[in-house]
Amino acid sequence: MLMDVSVLRENGVCEKKTLKWDACVAAGYTGRDQASVLAHVEELRKIGVPAPDKVPSMYWVEPERVSSSNTLWVVGDFTSGEVEVFLARTEEGELCVTVASDHTDRALETVSVAKAKQICSKIVGAAFWRMDEIRGHWDSIELRCWADGKLYQEGTLGKMLQPEKLFELAQEDSPCSSCRIALFSGTLPTLGEGLIYGEKYVLSLKDPLLNREIRHEYSVRILPDRN
């Protein structure tokens, strides 16, 4: 998979780059704090999603399903987004990061989490930052999501496993040898009670040290679920 993106440098320069990956994984249950991980497991259990066999979990998705579109077409009413970061490398090997949403079919998730992850396209921002410009203050970077205008998720990247650890786990579980892997980081617990099956999501990745932000918005278009 190739994706042309804009990489925004800390000096204000915008570079055009091409990201490249062979396999893509949506990591799950990646919180450093076990209490937060269990909160997310409980949140999903309430809608019938069984507890995972192990944490963190790796759910492999079709590499071509990653999109920076502002519109997401889904089947049925019971899908929802969850804010994450997406990490991928340029053709030259530079690791880059942006805000993302692991949009998931929650009805199908009660049957198979892996299939539920596969069925919806994964939304990522059109702008990226270079990892080497933020790695030193990674834990302080802020992640937020609004669903239908309501603040839905909020926290810092310090609440999640370090990206190096996530890539290590993904490589161990990879479906192919020597794959270039793109990775969704896993998410934060919701702020309210349960999931919101929203029609519009606003995603934010904010760097308080370098005073910059990546935002991406997308709307959900619902197709009828029929036989």
Protein backbone atom coordinates (compact mmCIF):
# COMPACT_ATOMS: atom_id res chain seq x y z
CA MET A 1 0.00 0.00 0.00
CA LEU A 2 1.24 3.46 -0.94
CA MET A 3 -0.21 6.70 0.45
CA ASP A 4 0.84 10.21 -0.51
CA VAL A 5 0.76 12.52 2.53
CA SER A 6 1.96 15.87 3.81
CA VAL A 7 4.58 15.71 6.56
CA LEU A 8 4.53 18.88 8.67
CA ARG A 9 7.96 19.65 10.12
CA GLU A 10 8.55 21.47 13.41
CA ASN A 11 10.15 24.35 11.47
CA GLY A 12 6.90 24.89 9.54
CA VAL A 13 8.02 23.25 6.30
CA CYS A 14 5.52 20.93 4.60
CA GLU A 15 7.11 17.96 2.84
CA LYS A 16 5.33 15.69 0.37
CA LYS A 17 6.09 12.08 1.18
CA THR A 18 4.87 8.61 0.22
CA LEU A 19 4.14 6.14 3.00
CA LYS A 20 4.53 2.46 2.24
CA TRP A 21 3.40 -0.68 4.06
CA ASP A 22 2.77 -4.35 3.27
CA ALA A 23 0.64 -5.21 6.30
CA CYS A 24 -1.52 -3.21 8.68
CA VAL A 25 -2.49 -4.02 12.25
CA ALA A 26 -4.98 -2.51 14.67
CA ALA A 27 -3.58 -3.06 18.14
CA GLY A 28 -6.05 -3.46 20.97
CA TYR A 29 -5.99 -3.21 24.77
CA THR A 30 -2.71 -1.30 24.70
CA GLY A 31 -2.98 0.80 27.85
CA ARG A 32 0.01 0.95 30.18
CA ASP A 33 -2.40 1.19 33.10
CA GLN A 34 -4.11 -2.16 33.56
CA ALA A 35 -7.13 -0.48 35.16
CA SER A 36 -7.73 1.51 31.97
CA VAL A 37 -7.38 -1.62 29.88
CA LEU A 38 -9.94 -3.41 32.01
CA ALA A 39 -12.27 -0.39 31.74
CA HIS A 40 -12.20 -0.71 27.94
CA VAL A 41 -12.76 -4.48 28.16
CA GLU A 42 -15.75 -3.84 30.43
CA GLU A 43 -17.10 -1.15 28.09
CA LEU A 44 -17.08 -3.65 25.23
CA ARG A 45 -18.41 -6.51 27.36
CA LYS A 46 -21.57 -4.47 27.97
CA ILE A 47 -22.39 -4.71 24.27
CA GLY A 48 -21.60 -8.41 24.09
CA VAL A 49 -17.95 -8.38 23.05
CA PRO A 50 -16.09 -11.23 24.78
CA ALA A 51 -12.88 -10.54 26.65
CA PRO A 52 -9.74 -11.01 24.52
CA ASP A 53 -7.61 -14.13 24.75
CA LYS A 54 -4.63 -11.96 25.62
CA VAL A 55 -3.66 -8.32 25.92
CA PRO A 56 -2.41 -6.51 23.98
CA SER A 57 -4.17 -8.04 20.97
CA MET A 58 -3.23 -7.71 17.31
CA TYR A 59 -6.00 -7.51 14.70
CA TRP A 60 -4.71 -7.54 11.12
CA VAL A 61 -6.66 -5.55 8.55
CA GLU A 62 -6.57 -5.23 4.77
CA PRO A 63 -3.75 -2.75 4.01
CA GLU A 64 -5.83 -0.99 1.36
CA ARG A 65 -8.59 -0.14 3.87
CA VAL A 66 -6.66 2.83 5.29
CA SER A 67 -8.09 6.14 4.08
CA SER A 68 -7.83 9.87 4.79
CA SER A 69 -11.34 10.47 3.45
CA ASN A 70 -13.80 12.77 5.21
CA THR A 71 -16.66 10.37 4.53
CA LEU A 72 -16.98 6.79 5.75
CA TRP A 73 -19.64 4.46 4.34
CA VAL A 74 -20.81 1.71 6.69
CA VAL A 75 -23.56 -0.92 6.78
CA GLY A 76 -26.00 -0.72 9.69
CA ASP A 77 -26.49 1.59 12.64
CA PHE A 78 -24.10 0.02 15.14
CA THR A 79 -20.64 1.24 14.17
CA SER A 80 -18.44 3.66 16.07
CA GLY A 81 -15.08 5.34 15.87
CA GLU A 82 -12.32 5.41 18.46
CA VAL A 83 -9.39 7.80 18.40
CA GLU A 84 -5.89 6.41 18.02
CA VAL A 85 -2.60 7.25 16.40
CA PHE A 86 -1.47 5.69 13.14
CA LEU A 87 2.20 5.01 12.49
CA ALA A 88 3.78 4.20 9.13
CA ARG A 89 7.10 4.66 7.37
CA THR A 90 7.97 6.65 4.28
CA GLU A 91 9.61 4.94 1.32
CA GLU A 92 12.91 6.24 2.75
CA GLY A 93 12.21 4.60 6.12
CA GLU A 94 11.22 7.62 8.23
CA LEU A 95 8.58 6.76 10.83
CA CYS A 96 5.62 9.17 10.76
CA VAL A 97 2.51 9.56 12.89
CA THR A 98 -0.96 11.06 12.62
CA VAL A 99 -4.34 10.95 14.32
CA ALA A 100 -6.67 8.11 13.34
CA SER A 101 -9.92 6.29 14.03
CA ASP A 102 -10.23 2.52 14.24
CA HIS A 103 -13.88 2.60 13.15
CA THR A 104 -15.49 -0.73 14.02
CA ASP A 105 -18.74 -2.60 13.45
CA ARG A 106 -19.91 -3.20 17.01
CA ALA A 107 -22.64 -5.67 16.06
CA LEU A 108 -20.18 -7.88 14.19
CA GLU A 109 -17.70 -7.47 17.04
CA THR A 110 -19.91 -9.66 19.24
CA VAL A 111 -19.29 -12.47 16.74
CA SER A 112 -15.66 -11.84 15.77
CA VAL A 113 -13.47 -8.91 16.74
CA ALA A 114 -11.08 -9.65 13.88
CA LYS A 115 -13.89 -9.57 11.30
CA ALA A 116 -15.37 -6.43 12.86
CA LYS A 117 -12.03 -4.66 12.49
CA GLN A 118 -11.85 -5.69 8.84
CA ILE A 119 -15.28 -4.54 7.70
CA CYS A 120 -14.91 -0.76 8.12
CA SER A 121 -12.30 1.40 6.42
CA LYS A 122 -9.79 2.90 8.84
CA ILE A 123 -9.61 6.69 8.88
CA VAL A 124 -6.29 8.53 9.25
CA GLY A 125 -5.31 12.18 9.07
CA ALA A 126 -3.99 13.64 5.83
CA ALA A 127 -1.13 15.39 7.65
CA PHE A 128 1.65 13.62 9.55
CA TRP A 129 4.51 14.45 11.91
CA ARG A 130 7.93 12.82 11.92
CA MET A 131 8.45 10.57 14.90
CA ASP A 132 11.99 11.82 15.50
CA GLU A 133 10.60 15.31 16.20
CA ILE A 134 8.19 14.14 18.91
CA ARG A 135 9.74 10.99 20.39
CA GLY A 136 11.36 12.87 23.27
CA HIS A 137 8.01 14.18 24.53
CA TRP A 138 5.73 11.42 23.18
CA ASP A 139 4.02 10.80 26.51
CA SER A 140 2.77 14.40 26.78
CA ILE A 141 1.06 14.50 23.37
CA GLU A 142 -2.71 14.80 23.70
CA LEU A 143 -5.35 12.71 21.95
CA ARG A 144 -9.03 13.70 21.74
CA CYS A 145 -12.19 12.67 19.95
CA TRP A 146 -15.56 14.37 19.66
CA ALA A 147 -18.57 12.32 18.56
CA ASP A 148 -21.55 14.32 17.31
CA GLY A 149 -20.13 17.43 18.99
CA LYS A 150 -19.59 15.80 22.39
CA LEU A 151 -16.12 15.24 23.86
CA TYR A 152 -15.95 11.46 23.76
CA GLN A 153 -12.34 10.48 24.51
CA GLU A 154 -9.41 12.38 25.98
CA GLY A 155 -5.95 11.49 27.24
CA THR A 156 -2.25 11.51 26.49
CA LEU A 157 -0.11 9.04 24.59
CA GLY A 158 1.58 8.29 27.89
CA LYS A 159 -1.45 6.15 28.73
CA MET A 160 -0.58 3.72 25.93
CA LEU A 161 2.27 1.32 25.40
CA GLN A 162 5.35 2.82 23.78
CA PRO A 163 5.33 2.62 19.96
CA GLU A 164 8.52 0.53 19.92
CA LYS A 165 6.80 -2.09 22.08
CA LEU A 166 3.73 -2.12 19.83
CA PHE A 167 5.86 -2.67 16.73
CA GLU A 168 7.76 -5.43 18.53
CA LEU A 169 4.50 -7.22 19.39
CA ALA A 170 3.18 -6.71 15.86
CA GLN A 171 6.35 -8.13 14.31
CA GLU A 172 6.07 -11.22 16.51
CA ASP A 173 2.49 -11.74 15.31
CA SER A 174 3.02 -10.68 11.68
CA PRO A 175 1.31 -12.74 8.95
CA CYS A 176 4.33 -12.36 6.67
CA SER A 177 8.07 -12.29 7.17
CA SER A 178 9.96 -9.04 6.64
CA CYS A 179 6.72 -7.06 6.25
CA ARG A 180 6.69 -3.28 6.39
CA ILE A 181 4.03 -2.81 9.06
CA ALA A 182 1.68 0.12 9.57
CA LEU A 183 0.08 0.28 12.99
CA PHE A 184 -2.97 1.66 14.78
CA SER A 185 -2.03 2.22 18.41
CA GLY A 186 -5.12 1.19 20.33
CA THR A 187 -7.48 3.65 21.97
CA LEU A 188 -8.47 5.36 25.20
CA PRO A 189 -11.54 4.63 27.36
CA THR A 190 -14.62 6.72 26.61
CA LEU A 191 -15.49 9.57 28.99
CA GLY A 192 -19.19 8.81 29.26
CA GLU A 193 -21.27 5.70 29.69
CA GLY A 194 -20.77 3.35 26.79
CA LEU A 195 -20.21 3.83 23.10
CA ILE A 196 -21.67 6.51 20.84
CA TYR A 197 -22.78 5.39 17.39
CA GLY A 198 -22.02 8.81 15.97
CA GLU A 199 -22.58 10.37 12.58
CA LYS A 200 -19.68 12.83 12.81
CA TYR A 201 -16.27 12.46 14.43
CA VAL A 202 -13.56 15.04 15.06
CA LEU A 203 -10.12 13.65 15.85
CA SER A 204 -7.28 15.65 17.41
CA LEU A 205 -3.59 14.98 18.05
CA LYS A 206 -2.08 17.94 19.90
CA ASP A 207 1.57 18.60 20.70
CA PRO A 208 1.68 21.07 23.63
CA LEU A 209 5.47 21.40 23.50
CA LEU A 210 5.74 22.38 19.82
CA ASN A 211 2.32 24.07 19.92
CA ARG A 212 0.78 22.31 16.94
CA GLU A 213 -2.17 20.06 16.22
CA ILE A 214 -3.39 17.60 13.61
CA ARG A 215 -7.16 17.49 13.22
CA HIS A 216 -9.25 15.28 11.00
CA GLU A 217 -13.02 15.15 10.65
CA TYR A 218 -15.20 12.55 9.03
CA SER A 219 -18.89 11.88 8.63
CA VAL A 220 -20.51 8.46 8.70
CA ARG A 221 -22.94 7.51 5.95
CA ILE A 222 -25.13 4.55 6.83
CA LEU A 223 -26.18 2.00 4.23
CA PRO A 224 -29.09 -0.37 4.94
CA ASP A 225 -28.28 -3.76 6.41
CA ARG A 226 -30.31 -6.17 4.29
CA ASN A 227 -30.27 -9.73 2.98
